Amino acid sequence: MMADSNTDTGAEGWALCPVTPGFIAHIGPFWEGRPTRGGGEGGWVRAFVADERHLAGNGQIHTSVLAAFAEFVCLRAVGDEGVPEGDAVLLNLALNHLGSCSRGTLVQGEARLIRRNWSQLVTEVRVQDGDRPLVAGTALWNLAGG
């Protein structure tokens, strides 16, 4: 588990994830890695450690933080497919919030491209705390010039 959300991943295989300046930078820093799962090579996983900035009044992570993180993870998945970040515009983000977590939790997100045509992309995203699901959903992206 990551020991300090600002400086130390505390685990091998994690690297600081580059983030474009803007709103999402207020939630990070983010980490990324490619863990091996089930004997095969895993896809990219993005993560952050929940701290006091992320919490709602009840001490649980705010659903808006999870939604922003899910969007970020989807955008990074689009980039993993070779699409420059500025070429994808989010049209729709449909999420189901399945759980919550508290301060100190390693929140992990994975997304993958599930459909691509000449002007649009669809990504599927899962956000979790270990094996416990927090968010699942899809995002529809329009490509520049599409």
Protein backbone atom coordinates (compact mmCIF):
# COMPACT_ATOMS: atom_id res chain seq x y z
CA MET A 1 0.00 0.00 0.00
CA MET A 2 1.13 3.53 -0.63
CA ALA A 3 2.45 5.11 2.50
CA ASP A 4 2.14 8.82 1.70
CA SER A 5 -0.08 10.24 -1.01
CA ASN A 6 2.34 13.07 -1.71
CA THR A 7 5.80 11.52 -1.81
CA ASP A 8 6.16 7.75 -1.53
CA THR A 9 4.46 4.95 -3.39
CA GLY A 10 5.59 2.44 -0.79
CA ALA A 11 5.19 -0.34 -3.38
CA GLU A 12 7.28 -1.53 -6.28
CA GLY A 13 5.93 -1.04 -9.76
CA TRP A 14 4.17 2.30 -9.17
CA ALA A 15 5.30 5.53 -10.84
CA LEU A 16 4.00 9.06 -10.58
CA CYS A 17 1.30 9.58 -13.22
CA PRO A 18 1.61 12.76 -15.31
CA VAL A 19 -1.39 15.05 -14.98
CA THR A 20 -2.35 18.02 -17.13
CA PRO A 21 -2.83 21.18 -15.04
CA GLY A 22 -6.43 21.96 -14.17
CA PHE A 23 -9.13 20.71 -11.85
CA ILE A 24 -7.98 17.09 -11.71
CA ALA A 25 -4.58 18.18 -10.33
CA HIS A 26 -6.37 19.17 -7.09
CA ILE A 27 -7.28 15.52 -6.43
CA GLY A 28 -3.84 13.98 -7.04
CA PRO A 29 -1.07 13.05 -7.00
CA PHE A 30 -1.85 9.92 -8.95
CA TRP A 31 0.22 6.80 -9.40
CA GLU A 32 0.17 4.25 -12.21
CA GLY A 33 1.45 0.75 -12.79
CA ARG A 34 0.82 -2.46 -14.72
CA PRO A 35 0.36 -5.27 -12.23
CA THR A 36 0.34 -8.86 -13.40
CA ARG A 37 -2.94 -10.55 -12.59
CA GLY A 38 -4.07 -14.12 -13.01
CA GLY A 39 -0.86 -15.19 -14.74
CA GLY A 40 -1.27 -12.66 -17.55
CA GLU A 41 -0.14 -9.10 -18.06
CA GLY A 42 -2.46 -6.57 -16.50
CA GLY A 43 -3.54 -3.28 -18.00
CA TRP A 44 -2.71 0.11 -16.58
CA VAL A 45 -3.99 0.84 -13.08
CA ARG A 46 -4.17 4.41 -11.81
CA ALA A 47 -4.40 5.12 -8.09
CA PHE A 48 -4.41 7.71 -5.35
CA VAL A 49 -4.50 7.62 -1.58
CA ALA A 50 -7.63 9.18 -0.08
CA ASP A 51 -6.81 12.01 2.31
CA GLU A 52 -8.79 14.67 4.17
CA ARG A 53 -9.26 16.72 0.95
CA HIS A 54 -11.30 13.87 -0.55
CA LEU A 55 -13.73 13.31 2.31
CA ALA A 56 -17.36 14.33 2.73
CA GLY A 57 -18.74 15.42 6.10
CA ASN A 58 -19.35 11.82 7.14
CA GLY A 59 -15.65 10.92 6.85
CA GLN A 60 -16.15 8.86 3.68
CA ILE A 61 -14.72 9.75 0.28
CA HIS A 62 -16.96 12.19 -1.59
CA THR A 63 -18.73 10.72 -4.63
CA SER A 64 -17.61 13.71 -6.71
CA VAL A 65 -13.98 12.74 -6.10
CA LEU A 66 -14.72 9.22 -7.30
CA ALA A 67 -16.48 10.59 -10.39
CA ALA A 68 -13.59 12.93 -11.26
CA PHE A 69 -11.10 10.11 -10.75
CA ALA A 70 -13.17 7.75 -12.95
CA GLU A 71 -13.18 10.35 -15.73
CA PHE A 72 -9.40 10.80 -15.37
CA VAL A 73 -8.82 7.04 -15.55
CA CYS A 74 -10.96 6.83 -18.70
CA LEU A 75 -9.08 9.71 -20.32
CA ARG A 76 -5.76 8.03 -19.55
CA ALA A 77 -7.08 4.80 -21.12
CA VAL A 78 -7.91 6.76 -24.29
CA GLY A 79 -4.33 8.05 -24.24
CA ASP A 80 -3.06 4.48 -23.77
CA GLU A 81 -4.69 3.76 -27.16
CA GLY A 82 -2.65 6.52 -28.80
CA VAL A 83 -5.24 9.29 -28.81
CA PRO A 84 -3.72 12.62 -27.71
CA GLU A 85 -5.43 13.95 -24.56
CA GLY A 86 -6.60 17.15 -26.29
CA ASP A 87 -8.28 15.19 -29.09
CA ALA A 88 -10.91 13.50 -26.89
CA VAL A 89 -13.88 15.43 -25.53
CA LEU A 90 -16.12 13.80 -22.93
CA LEU A 91 -19.75 13.64 -24.07
CA ASN A 92 -21.20 11.41 -21.35
CA LEU A 93 -20.05 9.78 -18.13
CA ALA A 94 -22.46 7.20 -16.70
CA LEU A 95 -21.46 5.89 -13.27
CA ASN A 96 -22.88 3.61 -10.64
CA HIS A 97 -21.55 4.34 -7.16
CA LEU A 98 -21.25 0.99 -5.41
CA GLY A 99 -19.42 1.82 -2.21
CA SER A 100 -17.29 4.27 -0.31
CA CYS A 101 -14.06 4.34 1.62
CA SER A 102 -12.28 6.40 4.23
CA ARG A 103 -9.05 8.35 4.63
CA GLY A 104 -5.90 6.35 3.91
CA THR A 105 -7.53 4.04 1.37
CA LEU A 106 -5.63 3.20 -1.81
CA VAL A 107 -8.26 3.95 -4.47
CA GLN A 108 -7.48 2.16 -7.75
CA GLY A 109 -9.04 2.63 -11.16
CA GLU A 110 -8.86 0.69 -14.40
CA ALA A 111 -10.42 1.57 -17.73
CA ARG A 112 -10.36 0.02 -21.15
CA LEU A 113 -11.50 1.01 -24.60
CA ILE A 114 -14.51 -1.11 -25.54
CA ARG A 115 -15.62 0.58 -28.78
CA ARG A 116 -14.04 2.85 -31.37
CA ASN A 117 -15.30 4.25 -34.63
CA TRP A 118 -14.17 7.12 -36.83
CA SER A 119 -15.38 9.86 -34.46
CA GLN A 120 -16.23 8.34 -31.06
CA LEU A 121 -14.77 6.13 -28.36
CA VAL A 122 -16.40 4.29 -25.47
CA THR A 123 -14.45 3.37 -22.35
CA GLU A 124 -15.47 1.17 -19.46
CA VAL A 125 -14.18 2.00 -15.97
CA ARG A 126 -13.95 0.31 -12.58
CA VAL A 127 -12.79 2.01 -9.39
CA GLN A 128 -12.14 -0.09 -6.31
CA ASP A 129 -10.63 -0.37 -2.87
CA GLY A 130 -8.71 -3.64 -3.18
CA ASP A 131 -11.35 -6.12 -4.30
CA ARG A 132 -14.24 -3.96 -3.08
CA PRO A 133 -15.98 -2.08 -5.94
CA LEU A 134 -16.57 1.64 -5.48
CA VAL A 135 -17.62 2.79 -8.97
CA ALA A 136 -18.43 1.15 -12.31
CA GLY A 137 -19.45 2.86 -15.51
CA THR A 138 -18.81 3.98 -19.05
CA ALA A 139 -17.69 7.14 -20.80
CA LEU A 140 -18.48 8.32 -24.33
CA TRP A 141 -15.81 10.44 -26.01
CA ASN A 142 -15.93 12.49 -29.20
CA LEU A 143 -12.73 12.78 -31.19
CA ALA A 144 -11.58 16.18 -32.42
CA GLY A 145 -12.76 16.73 -35.96
CA GLY A 146 -15.47 14.06 -35.54
